[in-house]
Amino acid sequence: VQLQASGGGLVQAGGSLRLSCAASGRTFSNYHMGWFRQAPGKEREFVATISGSGGTTFYAESVKGRFTITRDNAQNTVYLQMNVLKPEDTAVYYCAANLETISTMRSSYDYWGQGTLVTVSS
């Protein structure tokens, strides 16, 4: 599967953005999807994940209550709605996919998008 992330940009603290990740292929619903982010000089970290059916989600503690991951299997797209953004949310955001399991671990994911930059100004 090929992944294309979009929707990043510059936003003020307290604002919102919605990221999208479009996937190629005919079996999108088989893939568990995740969002990760990497801030300058830091390791790539888990943000959110959603099961293939969309029925199960998990979030990093740092974004719980502010971010929401959803998917539209008919459109082969996964979304990350980000609200009440903080300067510490500034990072390149990556979407990822795997067939095996819903996971918070970077190593579980076999396919990665190219990343989209989110910058939150204070």
PDB file of N, CA and C in Angstrom:
ATOM      1  N   VAL A   1       0.854  -1.182   0.000  1.00  0.00           N
ATOM      2  CA  VAL A   1       0.000   0.000   0.000  1.00  0.00           C
ATOM      3  C   VAL A   1       0.896   1.239   0.000  1.00  0.00           C
ATOM      4  N   GLN A   2       0.465   2.261  -0.716  1.00  0.00           N
ATOM      5  CA  GLN A   2       1.170   3.538  -0.725  1.00  0.00           C
ATOM      6  C   GLN A   2       0.335   4.573   0.014  1.00  0.00           C
ATOM      7  N   LEU A   3       1.019   5.415   0.794  1.00  0.00           N
ATOM      8  CA  LEU A   3       0.336   6.368   1.658  1.00  0.00           C
ATOM      9  C   LEU A   3       0.772   7.788   1.321  1.00  0.00           C
ATOM     10  N   GLN A   4      -0.184   8.703   1.301  1.00  0.00           N
ATOM     11  CA  GLN A   4       0.090  10.106   1.003  1.00  0.00           C
ATOM     12  C   GLN A   4      -0.573  10.955   2.074  1.00  0.00           C
ATOM     13  N   ALA A   5       0.241  11.565   2.924  1.00  0.00           N
ATOM     14  CA  ALA A   5      -0.273  12.419   3.990  1.00  0.00           C
ATOM     15  C   ALA A   5      -0.374  13.863   3.516  1.00  0.00           C
ATOM     16  N   SER A   6      -1.372  14.568   4.037  1.00  0.00           N
ATOM     17  CA  SER A   6      -1.549  15.979   3.695  1.00  0.00           C
ATOM     18  C   SER A   6      -2.293  16.688   4.820  1.00  0.00           C
ATOM     19  N   GLY A   7      -2.352  18.008   4.723  1.00  0.00           N
ATOM     20  CA  GLY A   7      -3.141  18.776   5.673  1.00  0.00           C
ATOM     21  C   GLY A   7      -2.343  19.556   6.693  1.00  0.00           C
ATOM     22  N   GLY A   8      -1.021  19.389   6.691  1.00  0.00           N
ATOM     23  CA  GLY A   8      -0.215  20.133   7.633  1.00  0.00           C
ATOM     24  C   GLY A   8      -0.173  21.614   7.293  1.00  0.00           C
ATOM     25  N   GLY A   9       0.374  22.390   8.219  1.00  0.00           N
ATOM     26  CA  GLY A   9       0.475  23.824   7.997  1.00  0.00           C
ATOM     27  C   GLY A   9       0.851  24.546   9.263  1.00  0.00           C
ATOM     28  N   LEU A  10       0.734  25.869   9.208  1.00  0.00           N
ATOM     29  CA  LEU A  10       1.045  26.723  10.347  1.00  0.00           C
ATOM     30  C   LEU A  10      -0.252  27.144  11.020  1.00  0.00           C
ATOM     31  N   VAL A  11      -0.312  26.983  12.325  1.00  0.00           N
ATOM     32  CA  VAL A  11      -1.508  27.338  13.069  1.00  0.00           C
ATOM     33  C   VAL A  11      -1.098  27.927  14.410  1.00  0.00           C
ATOM     34  N   GLN A  12      -1.917  28.800  14.940  1.00  0.00           N
ATOM     35  CA  GLN A  12      -1.631  29.372  16.251  1.00  0.00           C
ATOM     36  C   GLN A  12      -2.034  28.393  17.351  1.00  0.00           C
ATOM     37  N   ALA A  13      -1.398  28.516  18.484  1.00  0.00           N
ATOM     38  CA  ALA A  13      -1.749  27.702  19.643  1.00  0.00           C
ATOM     39  C   ALA A  13      -3.245  27.850  19.942  1.00  0.00           C
ATOM     40  N   GLY A  14      -3.883  26.728  20.232  1.00  0.00           N
ATOM     41  CA  GLY A  14      -5.316  26.721  20.481  1.00  0.00           C
ATOM     42  C   GLY A  14      -6.143  26.429  19.251  1.00  0.00           C
ATOM     43  N   GLY A  15      -5.485  26.459  18.089  1.00  0.00           N
ATOM     44  CA  GLY A  15      -6.198  26.221  16.847  1.00  0.00           C
ATOM     45  C   GLY A  15      -6.343  24.744  16.519  1.00  0.00           C
ATOM     46  N   SER A  16      -6.863  24.478  15.314  1.00  0.00           N
ATOM     47  CA  SER A  16      -7.142  23.115  14.883  1.00  0.00           C
ATOM     48  C   SER A  16      -6.605  22.878  13.470  1.00  0.00           C
ATOM     49  N   LEU A  17      -6.305  21.627  13.205  1.00  0.00           N
ATOM     50  CA  LEU A  17      -5.950  21.168  11.870  1.00  0.00           C
ATOM     51  C   LEU A  17      -6.491  19.757  11.703  1.00  0.00           C
ATOM     52  N   ARG A  18      -6.768  19.388  10.459  1.00  0.00           N
ATOM     53  CA  ARG A  18      -7.120  18.003  10.170  1.00  0.00           C
ATOM     54  C   ARG A  18      -6.142  17.444   9.146  1.00  0.00           C
ATOM     55  N   LEU A  19      -5.462  16.406   9.525  1.00  0.00           N
ATOM     56  CA  LEU A  19      -4.563  15.713   8.616  1.00  0.00           C
ATOM     57  C   LEU A  19      -5.313  14.589   7.922  1.00  0.00           C
ATOM     58  N   SER A  20      -4.923  14.324   6.686  1.00  0.00           N
ATOM     59  CA  SER A  20      -5.488  13.227   5.916  1.00  0.00           C
ATOM     60  C   SER A  20      -4.358  12.331   5.436  1.00  0.00           C
ATOM     61  N   CYS A  21      -4.670  11.080   5.273  1.00  0.00           N
ATOM     62  CA  CYS A  21      -3.711  10.121   4.717  1.00  0.00           C
ATOM     63  C   CYS A  21      -4.471   9.245   3.735  1.00  0.00           C
ATOM     64  N   ALA A  22      -4.185   9.429   2.472  1.00  0.00           N
ATOM     65  CA  ALA A  22      -4.853   8.660   1.425  1.00  0.00           C
ATOM     66  C   ALA A  22      -4.014   7.436   1.079  1.00  0.00           C
ATOM     67  N   ALA A  23      -4.671   6.301   0.969  1.00  0.00           N
ATOM     68  CA  ALA A  23      -3.984   5.047   0.687  1.00  0.00           C
ATOM     69  C   ALA A  23      -4.387   4.503  -0.670  1.00  0.00           C
ATOM     70  N   SER A  24      -3.431   3.894  -1.333  1.00  0.00           N
ATOM     71  CA  SER A  24      -3.726   3.213  -2.586  1.00  0.00           C
ATOM     72  C   SER A  24      -4.159   1.787  -2.277  1.00  0.00           C
ATOM     73  N   GLY A  25      -4.613   1.064  -3.294  1.00  0.00           N
ATOM     74  CA  GLY A  25      -4.945  -0.336  -3.082  1.00  0.00           C
ATOM     75  C   GLY A  25      -6.414  -0.564  -2.822  1.00  0.00           C
ATOM     76  N   ARG A  26      -6.805  -1.832  -2.903  1.00  0.00           N
ATOM     77  CA  ARG A  26      -8.217  -2.200  -2.831  1.00  0.00           C
ATOM     78  C   ARG A  26      -8.614  -2.786  -1.494  1.00  0.00           C
ATOM     79  N   THR A  27      -7.694  -2.996  -0.585  1.00  0.00           N
ATOM     80  CA  THR A  27      -8.012  -3.678   0.668  1.00  0.00           C
ATOM     81  C   THR A  27      -7.681  -2.803   1.863  1.00  0.00           C
ATOM     82  N   PHE A  28      -7.997  -1.539   1.767  1.00  0.00           N
ATOM     83  CA  PHE A  28      -7.638  -0.591   2.817  1.00  0.00           C
ATOM     84  C   PHE A  28      -8.176  -1.020   4.163  1.00  0.00           C
ATOM     85  N   SER A  29      -9.366  -1.575   4.214  1.00  0.00           N
ATOM     86  CA  SER A  29      -9.973  -1.944   5.486  1.00  0.00           C
ATOM     87  C   SER A  29      -9.224  -3.070   6.193  1.00  0.00           C
ATOM     88  N   ASN A  30      -8.320  -3.745   5.497  1.00  0.00           N
ATOM     89  CA  ASN A  30      -7.506  -4.782   6.134  1.00  0.00           C
ATOM     90  C   ASN A  30      -6.360  -4.202   6.950  1.00  0.00           C
ATOM     91  N   TYR A  31      -6.051  -2.941   6.709  1.00  0.00           N
ATOM     92  CA  TYR A  31      -4.880  -2.325   7.331  1.00  0.00           C
ATOM     93  C   TYR A  31      -5.251  -1.572   8.605  1.00  0.00           C
ATOM     94  N   HIS A  32      -4.489  -1.838   9.633  1.00  0.00           N
ATOM     95  CA  HIS A  32      -4.537  -1.007  10.827  1.00  0.00           C
ATOM     96  C   HIS A  32      -3.657   0.210  10.564  1.00  0.00           C
ATOM     97  N   MET A  33      -4.155   1.370  10.944  1.00  0.00           N
ATOM     98  CA  MET A  33      -3.472   2.604  10.591  1.00  0.00           C
ATOM     99  C   MET A  33      -2.998   3.350  11.834  1.00  0.00           C
ATOM    100  N   GLY A  34      -1.889   4.038  11.667  1.00  0.00           N
ATOM    101  CA  GLY A  34      -1.373   4.812  12.787  1.00  0.00           C
ATOM    102  C   GLY A  34      -0.863   6.166  12.341  1.00  0.00           C
ATOM    103  N   TRP A  35      -0.836   7.101  13.278  1.00  0.00           N
ATOM    104  CA  TRP A  35      -0.179   8.384  13.085  1.00  0.00           C
ATOM    105  C   TRP A  35       0.982   8.475  14.086  1.00  0.00           C
ATOM    106  N   PHE A  36       2.112   8.901  13.599  1.00  0.00           N
ATOM    107  CA  PHE A  36       3.289   9.148  14.405  1.00  0.00           C
ATOM    108  C   PHE A  36       3.770  10.562  14.106  1.00  0.00           C
ATOM    109  N   ARG A  37       4.631  11.077  14.958  1.00  0.00           N
ATOM    110  CA  ARG A  37       5.203  12.401  14.695  1.00  0.00           C
ATOM    111  C   ARG A  37       6.652  12.439  15.137  1.00  0.00           C
ATOM    112  N   GLN A  38       7.380  13.337  14.496  1.00  0.00           N
ATOM    113  CA  GLN A  38       8.794  13.505  14.825  1.00  0.00           C
ATOM    114  C   GLN A  38       9.113  14.984  14.873  1.00  0.00           C
ATOM    115  N   ALA A  39       9.467  15.430  16.063  1.00  0.00           N
ATOM    116  CA  ALA A  39       9.883  16.821  16.252  1.00  0.00           C
ATOM    117  C   ALA A  39      11.382  16.923  15.981  1.00  0.00           C
ATOM    118  N   PRO A  40      11.880  18.111  15.657  1.00  0.00           N
ATOM    119  CA  PRO A  40      13.311  18.275  15.368  1.00  0.00           C
ATOM    120  C   PRO A  40      14.167  17.780  16.524  1.00  0.00           C
ATOM    121  N   GLY A  41      15.129  16.924  16.203  1.00  0.00           N
ATOM    122  CA  GLY A  41      16.050  16.425  17.206  1.00  0.00           C
ATOM    123  C   GLY A  41      15.497  15.361  18.128  1.00  0.00           C
ATOM    124  N   LYS A  42      14.285  14.890  17.839  1.00  0.00           N
ATOM    125  CA  LYS A  42      13.668  13.882  18.699  1.00  0.00           C
ATOM    126  C   LYS A  42      13.337  12.612  17.923  1.00  0.00           C
ATOM    127  N   GLU A  43      13.066  11.567  18.672  1.00  0.00           N
ATOM    128  CA  GLU A  43      12.663  10.298  18.073  1.00  0.00           C
ATOM    129  C   GLU A  43      11.233  10.401  17.542  1.00  0.00           C
ATOM    130  N   ARG A  44      10.933   9.588  16.547  1.00  0.00           N
ATOM    131  CA  ARG A  44       9.561   9.506  16.059  1.00  0.00           C
ATOM    132  C   ARG A  44       8.712   8.837  17.135  1.00  0.00           C
ATOM    133  N   GLU A  45       7.563   9.434  17.437  1.00  0.00           N
ATOM    134  CA  GLU A  45       6.740   8.916  18.523  1.00  0.00           C
ATOM    135  C   GLU A  45       5.304   8.645  18.076  1.00  0.00           C
ATOM    136  N   PHE A  46       4.694   7.728  18.781  1.00  0.00           N
ATOM    137  CA  PHE A  46       3.318   7.346  18.506  1.00  0.00           C
ATOM    138  C   PHE A  46       2.355   8.468  18.869  1.00  0.00           C
ATOM    139  N   VAL A  47       1.318   8.641  18.044  1.00  0.00           N
ATOM    140  CA  VAL A  47       0.277   9.625  18.313  1.00  0.00           C
ATOM    141  C   VAL A  47      -1.079   8.942  18.480  1.00  0.00           C
ATOM    142  N   ALA A  48      -1.486   8.163  17.479  1.00  0.00           N
ATOM    143  CA  ALA A  48      -2.803   7.536  17.512  1.00  0.00           C
ATOM    144  C   ALA A  48      -2.833   6.367  16.545  1.00  0.00           C
ATOM    145  N   THR A  49      -3.725   5.424  16.810  1.00  0.00           N
ATOM    146  CA  THR A  49      -3.891   4.285  15.924  1.00  0.00           C
ATOM    147  C   THR A  49      -5.358   3.882  15.874  1.00  0.00           C
ATOM    148  N   ILE A  50      -5.735   3.251  14.766  1.00  0.00           N
ATOM    149  CA  ILE A  50      -7.115   2.826  14.575  1.00  0.00           C
ATOM    150  C   ILE A  50      -7.122   1.477  13.878  1.00  0.00           C
ATOM    151  N   SER A  51      -8.026   0.604  14.294  1.00  0.00           N
ATOM    152  CA  SER A  51      -8.121  -0.715  13.692  1.00  0.00           C
ATOM    153  C   SER A  51      -8.713  -0.630  12.287  1.00  0.00           C
ATOM    154  N   GLY A  52      -8.604  -1.730  11.558  1.00  0.00           N
ATOM    155  CA  GLY A  52      -9.087  -1.756  10.186  1.00  0.00           C
ATOM    156  C   GLY A  52     -10.563  -1.415  10.048  1.00  0.00           C
ATOM    157  N   SER A  53     -11.353  -1.875  10.992  1.00  0.00           N
ATOM    158  CA  SER A  53     -12.791  -1.599  10.969  1.00  0.00           C
ATOM    159  C   SER A  53     -13.132  -0.211  11.492  1.00  0.00           C
ATOM    160  N   GLY A  54     -12.180   0.386  12.190  1.00  0.00           N
ATOM    161  CA  GLY A  54     -12.422   1.688  12.815  1.00  0.00           C
ATOM    162  C   GLY A  54     -13.017   1.593  14.198  1.00  0.00           C
ATOM    163  N   GLY A  55     -13.216   0.373  14.679  1.00  0.00           N
ATOM    164  CA  GLY A  55     -13.893   0.205  15.953  1.00  0.00           C
ATOM    165  C   GLY A  55     -13.027   0.372  17.180  1.00  0.00           C
ATOM    166  N   THR A  56     -11.727   0.330  17.011  1.00  0.00           N
ATOM    167  CA  THR A  56     -10.801   0.442  18.136  1.00  0.00           C
ATOM    168  C   THR A  56      -9.776   1.518  17.860  1.00  0.00           C
ATOM    169  N   THR A  57      -9.549   2.353  18.850  1.00  0.00           N
ATOM    170  CA  THR A  57      -8.545   3.410  18.736  1.00  0.00           C
ATOM    171  C   THR A  57      -7.729   3.488  20.023  1.00  0.00           C
ATOM    172  N   PHE A  58      -6.506   3.951  19.874  1.00  0.00           N
ATOM    173  CA  PHE A  58      -5.650   4.239  21.018  1.00  0.00           C
ATOM    174  C   PHE A  58      -4.931   5.558  20.752  1.00  0.00           C
ATOM    175  N   TYR A  59      -4.634   6.273  21.841  1.00  0.00           N
ATOM    176  CA  TYR A  59      -3.970   7.570  21.721  1.00  0.00           C
ATOM    177  C   TYR A  59      -2.810   7.667  22.704  1.00  0.00           C
ATOM    178  N   ALA A  60      -1.825   8.450  22.310  1.00  0.00           N
ATOM    179  CA  ALA A  60      -0.786   8.825  23.257  1.00  0.00           C
ATOM    180  C   ALA A  60      -1.406   9.715  24.327  1.00  0.00           C
ATOM    181  N   GLU A  61      -0.882   9.614  25.534  1.00  0.00           N
ATOM    182  CA  GLU A  61      -1.420  10.420  26.634  1.00  0.00           C
ATOM    183  C   GLU A  61      -1.343  11.910  26.331  1.00  0.00           C
ATOM    184  N   SER A  62      -0.321  12.307  25.620  1.00  0.00           N
ATOM    185  CA  SER A  62      -0.093  13.730  25.358  1.00  0.00           C
ATOM    186  C   SER A  62      -1.146  14.345  24.436  1.00  0.00           C
ATOM    187  N   VAL A  63      -1.883  13.506  23.702  1.00  0.00           N
ATOM    188  CA  VAL A  63      -2.879  14.037  22.756  1.00  0.00           C
ATOM    189  C   VAL A  63      -4.301  13.602  23.099  1.00  0.00           C
ATOM    190  N   LYS A  64      -4.443  12.741  24.086  1.00  0.00           N
ATOM    191  CA  LYS A  64      -5.765  12.218  24.442  1.00  0.00           C
ATOM    192  C   LYS A  64      -6.697  13.368  24.825  1.00  0.00           C
ATOM    193  N   GLY A  65      -7.886  13.343  24.256  1.00  0.00           N
ATOM    194  CA  GLY A  65      -8.853  14.399  24.526  1.00  0.00           C
ATOM    195  C   GLY A  65      -8.746  15.583  23.587  1.00  0.00           C
ATOM    196  N   ARG A  66      -7.647  15.674  22.844  1.00  0.00           N
ATOM    197  CA  ARG A  66      -7.472  16.778  21.890  1.00  0.00           C
ATOM    198  C   ARG A  66      -7.471  16.295  20.445  1.00  0.00           C
ATOM    199  N   PHE A  67      -6.942  15.100  20.204  1.00  0.00           N
ATOM    200  CA  PHE A  67      -6.842  14.553  18.849  1.00  0.00           C
ATOM    201  C   PHE A  67      -7.842  13.408  18.694  1.00  0.00           C
ATOM    202  N   THR A  68      -8.335  13.256  17.464  1.00  0.00           N
ATOM    203  CA  THR A  68      -9.245  12.156  17.151  1.00  0.00           C
ATOM    204  C   THR A  68      -8.841  11.521  15.825  1.00  0.00           C
ATOM    205  N   ILE A  69      -8.652  10.214  15.855  1.00  0.00           N
ATOM    206  CA  ILE A  69      -8.335   9.477  14.629  1.00  0.00           C
ATOM    207  C   ILE A  69      -9.603   8.792  14.125  1.00  0.00           C
ATOM    208  N   THR A  70      -9.855   8.932  12.845  1.00  0.00           N
ATOM    209  CA  THR A  70     -11.003   8.277  12.208  1.00  0.00           C
ATOM    210  C   THR A  70     -10.553   7.770  10.838  1.00  0.00           C
ATOM    211  N   ARG A  71     -11.411   6.978  10.228  1.00  0.00           N
ATOM    212  CA  ARG A  71     -11.100   6.488   8.888  1.00  0.00           C
ATOM    213  C   ARG A  71     -12.383   6.360   8.083  1.00  0.00           C
ATOM    214  N   ASP A  72     -12.224   6.463   6.779  1.00  0.00           N
ATOM    215  CA  ASP A  72     -13.309   6.244   5.828  1.00  0.00           C
ATOM    216  C   ASP A  72     -12.825   5.179   4.866  1.00  0.00           C
ATOM    217  N   ASN A  73     -13.233   3.960   5.079  1.00  0.00           N
ATOM    218  CA  ASN A  73     -12.728   2.863   4.253  1.00  0.00           C
ATOM    219  C   ASN A  73     -13.234   2.942   2.810  1.00  0.00           C
ATOM    220  N   ALA A  74     -14.356   3.578   2.609  1.00  0.00           N
ATOM    221  CA  ALA A  74     -14.852   3.749   1.240  1.00  0.00           C
ATOM    222  C   ALA A  74     -13.981   4.718   0.454  1.00  0.00           C
ATOM    223  N   GLN A  75     -13.352   5.648   1.161  1.00  0.00           N
ATOM    224  CA  GLN A  75     -12.482   6.646   0.536  1.00  0.00           C
ATOM    225  C   GLN A  75     -10.996   6.313   0.695  1.00  0.00           C
ATOM    226  N   ASN A  76     -10.693   5.169   1.315  1.00  0.00           N
ATOM    227  CA  ASN A  76      -9.292   4.766   1.536  1.00  0.00           C
ATOM    228  C   ASN A  76      -8.489   5.853   2.235  1.00  0.00           C
ATOM    229  N   THR A  77      -9.090   6.451   3.246  1.00  0.00           N
ATOM    230  CA  THR A  77      -8.450   7.588   3.898  1.00  0.00           C
ATOM    231  C   THR A  77      -8.575   7.486   5.422  1.00  0.00           C
ATOM    232  N   VAL A  78      -7.512   7.856   6.101  1.00  0.00           N
ATOM    233  CA  VAL A  78      -7.527   7.985   7.546  1.00  0.00           C
ATOM    234  C   VAL A  78      -7.261   9.448   7.884  1.00  0.00           C
ATOM    235  N   TYR A  79      -7.894   9.905   8.955  1.00  0.00           N
ATOM    236  CA  TYR A  79      -7.803  11.314   9.341  1.00  0.00           C
ATOM    237  C   TYR A  79      -7.268  11.449  10.758  1.00  0.00           C
ATOM    238  N   LEU A  80      -6.683  12.596  11.023  1.00  0.00           N
ATOM    239  CA  LEU A  80      -6.314  12.954  12.378  1.00  0.00           C
ATOM    240  C   LEU A  80      -6.802  14.378  12.616  1.00  0.00           C
ATOM    241  N   GLN A  81      -7.863  14.494  13.381  1.00  0.00           N
ATOM    242  CA  GLN A  81      -8.378  15.804  13.766  1.00  0.00           C
ATOM    243  C   GLN A  81      -7.631  16.265  14.998  1.00  0.00           C
ATOM    244  N   MET A  82      -6.978  17.408  14.898  1.00  0.00           N
ATOM    245  CA  MET A  82      -6.163  17.919  15.988  1.00  0.00           C
ATOM    246  C   MET A  82      -6.753  19.235  16.474  1.00  0.00           C
ATOM    247  N   ASN A  83      -7.179  19.259  17.711  1.00  0.00           N
ATOM    248  CA  ASN A  83      -7.760  20.454  18.313  1.00  0.00           C
ATOM    249  C   ASN A  83      -6.910  20.931  19.484  1.00  0.00           C
ATOM    250  N   VAL A  84      -7.126  22.155  19.875  1.00  0.00           N
ATOM    251  CA  VAL A  84      -6.396  22.767  20.994  1.00  0.00           C
ATOM    252  C   VAL A  84      -4.902  22.511  20.842  1.00  0.00           C
ATOM    253  N   LEU A  85      -4.387  22.839  19.685  1.00  0.00           N
ATOM    254  CA  LEU A  85      -2.986  22.567  19.394  1.00  0.00           C
ATOM    255  C   LEU A  85      -2.068  23.394  20.284  1.00  0.00           C
ATOM    256  N   LYS A  86      -0.937  22.784  20.612  1.00  0.00           N
ATOM    257  CA  LYS A  86       0.066  23.412  21.477  1.00  0.00           C
ATOM    258  C   LYS A  86       1.380  23.500  20.707  1.00  0.00           C
ATOM    259  N   PRO A  87       2.249  24.421  21.089  1.00  0.00           N
ATOM    260  CA  PRO A  87       3.553  24.500  20.412  1.00  0.00           C
ATOM    261  C   PRO A  87       4.321  23.171  20.445  1.00  0.00           C
ATOM    262  N   GLU A  88       4.149  22.405  21.486  1.00  0.00           N
ATOM    263  CA  GLU A  88       4.850  21.116  21.569  1.00  0.00           C
ATOM    264  C   GLU A  88       4.290  20.061  20.620  1.00  0.00           C
ATOM    265  N   ASP A  89       3.197  20.370  19.930  1.00  0.00           N
ATOM    266  CA  ASP A  89       2.684  19.480  18.893  1.00  0.00           C
ATOM    267  C   ASP A  89       3.407  19.689  17.555  1.00  0.00           C
ATOM    268  N   THR A  90       4.260  20.685  17.490  1.00  0.00           N
ATOM    269  CA  THR A  90       5.006  20.947  16.272  1.00  0.00           C
ATOM    270  C   THR A  90       5.888  19.756  15.911  1.00  0.00           C
ATOM    271  N   ALA A  91       5.706  19.245  14.698  1.00  0.00           N
ATOM    272  CA  ALA A  91       6.436  18.049  14.259  1.00  0.00           C
ATOM    273  C   ALA A  91       6.053  17.732  12.820  1.00  0.00           C
ATOM    274  N   VAL A  92       6.802  16.825  12.241  1.00  0.00           N
ATOM    275  CA  VAL A  92       6.369  16.194  10.994  1.00  0.00           C
ATOM    276  C   VAL A  92       5.508  14.994  11.376  1.00  0.00           C
ATOM    277  N   TYR A  93       4.319  14.939  10.824  1.00  0.00           N
ATOM    278  CA  TYR A  93       3.384  13.871  11.132  1.00  0.00           C
ATOM    279  C   TYR A  93       3.372  12.851   9.995  1.00  0.00           C
ATOM    280  N   TYR A  94       3.487  11.589  10.381  1.00  0.00           N
ATOM    281  CA  TYR A  94       3.540  10.493   9.426  1.00  0.00           C
ATOM    282  C   TYR A  94       2.358   9.549   9.656  1.00  0.00           C
ATOM    283  N   CYS A  95       1.767   9.083   8.565  1.00  0.00           N
ATOM    284  CA  CYS A  95       0.803   8.004   8.691  1.00  0.00           C
ATOM    285  C   CYS A  95       1.494   6.693   8.330  1.00  0.00           C
ATOM    286  N   ALA A  96       0.996   5.619   8.889  1.00  0.00           N
ATOM    287  CA  ALA A  96       1.612   4.312   8.700  1.00  0.00           C
ATOM    288  C   ALA A  96       0.534   3.232   8.685  1.00  0.00           C
ATOM    289  N   ALA A  97       0.883   2.097   8.093  1.00  0.00           N
ATOM    290  CA  ALA A  97      -0.085   1.010   7.952  1.00  0.00           C
ATOM    291  C   ALA A  97       0.569  -0.329   8.226  1.00  0.00           C
ATOM    292  N   ASN A  98      -0.212  -1.239   8.775  1.00  0.00           N
ATOM    293  CA  ASN A  98       0.247  -2.619   8.900  1.00  0.00           C
ATOM    294  C   ASN A  98      -0.951  -3.559   8.880  1.00  0.00           C
ATOM    295  N   LEU A  99      -0.699  -4.791   8.476  1.00  0.00           N
ATOM    296  CA  LEU A  99      -1.768  -5.779   8.311  1.00  0.00           C
ATOM    297  C   LEU A  99      -1.996  -6.628   9.551  1.00  0.00           C
ATOM    298  N   GLU A 100      -1.023  -6.615  10.469  1.00  0.00           N
ATOM    299  CA  GLU A 100      -1.032  -7.630  11.526  1.00  0.00           C
ATOM    300  C   GLU A 100      -1.881  -7.260  12.729  1.00  0.00           C
ATOM    301  N   THR A 101      -1.660  -6.053  13.249  1.00  0.00           N
ATOM    302  CA  THR A 101      -2.287  -5.727  14.521  1.00  0.00           C
ATOM    303  C   THR A 101      -2.356  -4.228  14.729  1.00  0.00           C
ATOM    304  N   ILE A 102      -3.344  -3.788  15.468  1.00  0.00           N
ATOM    305  CA  ILE A 102      -3.351  -2.395  15.900  1.00  0.00           C
ATOM    306  C   ILE A 102      -2.228  -2.243  16.929  1.00  0.00           C
ATOM    307  N   SER A 103      -1.437  -1.229  16.777  1.00  0.00           N
ATOM    308  CA  SER A 103      -0.226  -1.140  17.579  1.00  0.00           C
ATOM    309  C   SER A 103       0.187   0.307  17.815  1.00  0.00           C
ATOM    310  N   THR A 104       0.814   0.529  18.965  1.00  0.00           N
ATOM    311  CA  THR A 104       1.396   1.833  19.283  1.00  0.00           C
ATOM    312  C   THR A 104       2.885   1.855  18.983  1.00  0.00           C
ATOM    313  N   MET A 105       3.421   0.744  18.498  1.00  0.00           N
ATOM    314  CA  MET A 105       4.863   0.631  18.300  1.00  0.00           C
ATOM    315  C   MET A 105       5.249   0.918  16.857  1.00  0.00           C
ATOM    316  N   ARG A 106       6.211   1.771  16.691  1.00  0.00           N
ATOM    317  CA  ARG A 106       6.690   2.134  15.361  1.00  0.00           C
ATOM    318  C   ARG A 106       7.133   0.912  14.571  1.00  0.00           C
ATOM    319  N   SER A 107       7.758  -0.034  15.227  1.00  0.00           N
ATOM    320  CA  SER A 107       8.302  -1.208  14.544  1.00  0.00           C
ATOM    321  C   SER A 107       7.227  -2.136  13.985  1.00  0.00           C
ATOM    322  N   SER A 108       5.985  -1.963  14.390  1.00  0.00           N
ATOM    323  CA  SER A 108       4.902  -2.814  13.900  1.00  0.00           C
ATOM    324  C   SER A 108       4.438  -2.435  12.501  1.00  0.00           C
ATOM    325  N   TYR A 109       4.805  -1.243  12.059  1.00  0.00           N
ATOM    326  CA  TYR A 109       4.276  -0.711  10.814  1.00  0.00           C
ATOM    327  C   TYR A 109       5.230  -0.936   9.648  1.00  0.00           C
ATOM    328  N   ASP A 110       4.664  -1.427   8.552  1.00  0.00           N
ATOM    329  CA  ASP A 110       5.461  -1.785   7.388  1.00  0.00           C
ATOM    330  C   ASP A 110       5.462  -0.704   6.303  1.00  0.00           C
ATOM    331  N   TYR A 111       4.449   0.128   6.305  1.00  0.00           N
ATOM    332  CA  TYR A 111       4.280   1.117   5.239  1.00  0.00           C
ATOM    333  C   TYR A 111       4.154   2.497   5.868  1.00  0.00           C
ATOM    334  N   TRP A 112       4.847   3.464   5.258  1.00  0.00           N
ATOM    335  CA  TRP A 112       4.884   4.820   5.790  1.00  0.00           C
ATOM    336  C   TRP A 112       4.623   5.833   4.690  1.00  0.00           C
ATOM    337  N   GLY A 113       3.913   6.882   5.033  1.00  0.00           N
ATOM    338  CA  GLY A 113       3.759   8.016   4.141  1.00  0.00           C
ATOM    339  C   GLY A 113       4.952   8.940   4.258  1.00  0.00           C
ATOM    340  N   GLN A 114       4.936  10.006   3.486  1.00  0.00           N
ATOM    341  CA  GLN A 114       6.093  10.882   3.390  1.00  0.00           C
ATOM    342  C   GLN A 114       6.146  11.942   4.484  1.00  0.00           C
ATOM    343  N   GLY A 115       5.085  12.126   5.226  1.00  0.00           N
ATOM    344  CA  GLY A 115       5.068  13.102   6.305  1.00  0.00           C
ATOM    345  C   GLY A 115       4.510  14.445   5.875  1.00  0.00           C
ATOM    346  N   THR A 116       3.872  15.119   6.823  1.00  0.00           N
ATOM    347  CA  THR A 116       3.363  16.464   6.594  1.00  0.00           C
ATOM    348  C   THR A 116       3.690  17.304   7.821  1.00  0.00           C
ATOM    349  N   LEU A 117       4.188  18.508   7.596  1.00  0.00           N
ATOM    350  CA  LEU A 117       4.698  19.342   8.682  1.00  0.00           C
ATOM    351  C   LEU A 117       3.576  20.137   9.337  1.00  0.00           C
ATOM    352  N   VAL A 118       3.511  20.049  10.653  1.00  0.00           N
ATOM    353  CA  VAL A 118       2.594  20.854  11.451  1.00  0.00           C
ATOM    354  C   VAL A 118       3.424  21.775  12.332  1.00  0.00           C
ATOM    355  N   THR A 119       3.167  23.061  12.230  1.00  0.00           N
ATOM    356  CA  THR A 119       3.873  24.044  13.041  1.00  0.00           C
ATOM    357  C   THR A 119       2.847  24.824  13.846  1.00  0.00           C
ATOM    358  N   VAL A 120       3.021  24.824  15.169  1.00  0.00           N
ATOM    359  CA  VAL A 120       2.101  25.524  16.053  1.00  0.00           C
ATOM    360  C   VAL A 120       2.856  26.678  16.702  1.00  0.00           C
ATOM    361  N   SER A 121       2.414  27.874  16.434  1.00  0.00           N
ATOM    362  CA  SER A 121       3.078  29.058  16.981  1.00  0.00           C
ATOM    363  C   SER A 121       2.423  29.456  18.301  1.00  0.00           C
ATOM    364  N   SER A 122       3.246  30.013  19.176  1.00  0.00           N
ATOM    365  CA  SER A 122       2.743  30.411  20.504  1.00  0.00           C
ATOM    366  C   SER A 122       2.237  31.845  20.499  1.00  0.00           C
TER     367      SER A 122
END
